[in-house]
Amino acid sequence: MYKIGVIGAGMIADHHLDAIQKIPNLEARWVAATKQTSLDRITQKFTVLNTTTDYADIHEIFF
């Protein structure tokens, strides 16, 4: 299973997350955005395990 972190939760993120959910063995584990309201919208629409308003959190986990 490949785990993905997405930085940004705007309109383009919707397209990325939609594609990620359609690919076997690929999972969106993290989404980072500066606005909590954007993260809330994403988690209502997609299955994402973790969200953060600090992209450095993703960097620490994956690297």
Protein backbone atom coordinates (compact mmCIF):
# COMPACT_ATOMS: atom_id res chain seq x y z
CA MET A 1 0.00 0.00 0.00
CA TYR A 2 1.35 3.40 -1.01
CA LYS A 3 0.45 6.29 1.27
CA ILE A 4 0.04 9.81 -0.11
CA GLY A 5 0.11 13.23 1.55
CA VAL A 6 -1.62 16.09 -0.29
CA ILE A 7 -0.67 19.69 0.39
CA GLY A 8 -3.51 22.04 -0.41
CA ALA A 9 -7.25 21.51 -0.16
CA GLY A 10 -8.58 23.60 -3.01
CA MET A 11 -10.39 22.56 -6.16
CA ILE A 12 -7.39 20.77 -7.64
CA ALA A 13 -7.06 18.68 -4.46
CA ASP A 14 -10.56 17.35 -5.13
CA HIS A 15 -9.38 16.01 -8.49
CA HIS A 16 -6.23 14.50 -6.97
CA LEU A 17 -8.09 12.86 -4.10
CA ASP A 18 -10.76 11.51 -6.43
CA ALA A 19 -8.05 9.91 -8.59
CA ILE A 20 -6.15 8.56 -5.57
CA GLN A 21 -9.27 6.80 -4.27
CA LYS A 22 -9.75 5.05 -7.61
CA ILE A 23 -6.24 3.57 -7.74
CA PRO A 24 -5.71 0.22 -5.99
CA ASN A 25 -2.99 0.13 -3.34
CA LEU A 26 -2.97 3.93 -3.02
CA GLU A 27 -4.30 5.77 0.01
CA ALA A 28 -4.52 9.47 0.89
CA ARG A 29 -3.24 9.49 4.47
CA TRP A 30 -2.75 13.22 5.01
CA VAL A 31 -4.11 16.49 3.67
CA ALA A 32 -2.62 19.83 4.70
CA ALA A 33 -4.26 23.22 4.21
CA THR A 34 -3.96 26.63 5.82
CA LYS A 35 -7.71 26.86 6.52
CA GLN A 36 -9.50 24.41 8.79
CA THR A 37 -12.73 25.01 6.86
CA SER A 38 -11.04 23.66 3.72
CA LEU A 39 -9.94 20.55 5.60
CA ASP A 40 -13.44 20.05 6.99
CA ARG A 41 -14.86 20.20 3.46
CA ILE A 42 -12.32 17.64 2.22
CA THR A 43 -13.00 15.18 5.06
CA GLN A 44 -16.74 15.36 4.38
CA LYS A 45 -16.16 14.49 0.74
CA PHE A 46 -13.22 12.04 0.87
CA THR A 47 -11.80 9.36 3.14
CA VAL A 48 -8.68 10.96 4.60
CA LEU A 49 -7.21 9.65 7.85
CA ASN A 50 -5.35 12.77 8.98
CA THR A 51 -5.50 16.50 8.37
CA THR A 52 -3.29 19.36 9.47
CA THR A 53 -2.93 23.10 9.03
CA ASP A 54 0.87 22.76 9.04
CA TYR A 55 2.36 21.05 5.99
CA ALA A 56 5.52 20.32 8.00
CA ASP A 57 3.56 17.61 9.84
CA ILE A 58 3.35 15.66 6.58
CA HIS A 59 7.05 16.13 5.92
CA GLU A 60 7.95 14.80 9.38
CA ILE A 61 5.82 11.67 8.89
CA PHE A 62 6.99 10.75 5.39
CA PHE A 63 10.61 11.85 5.57
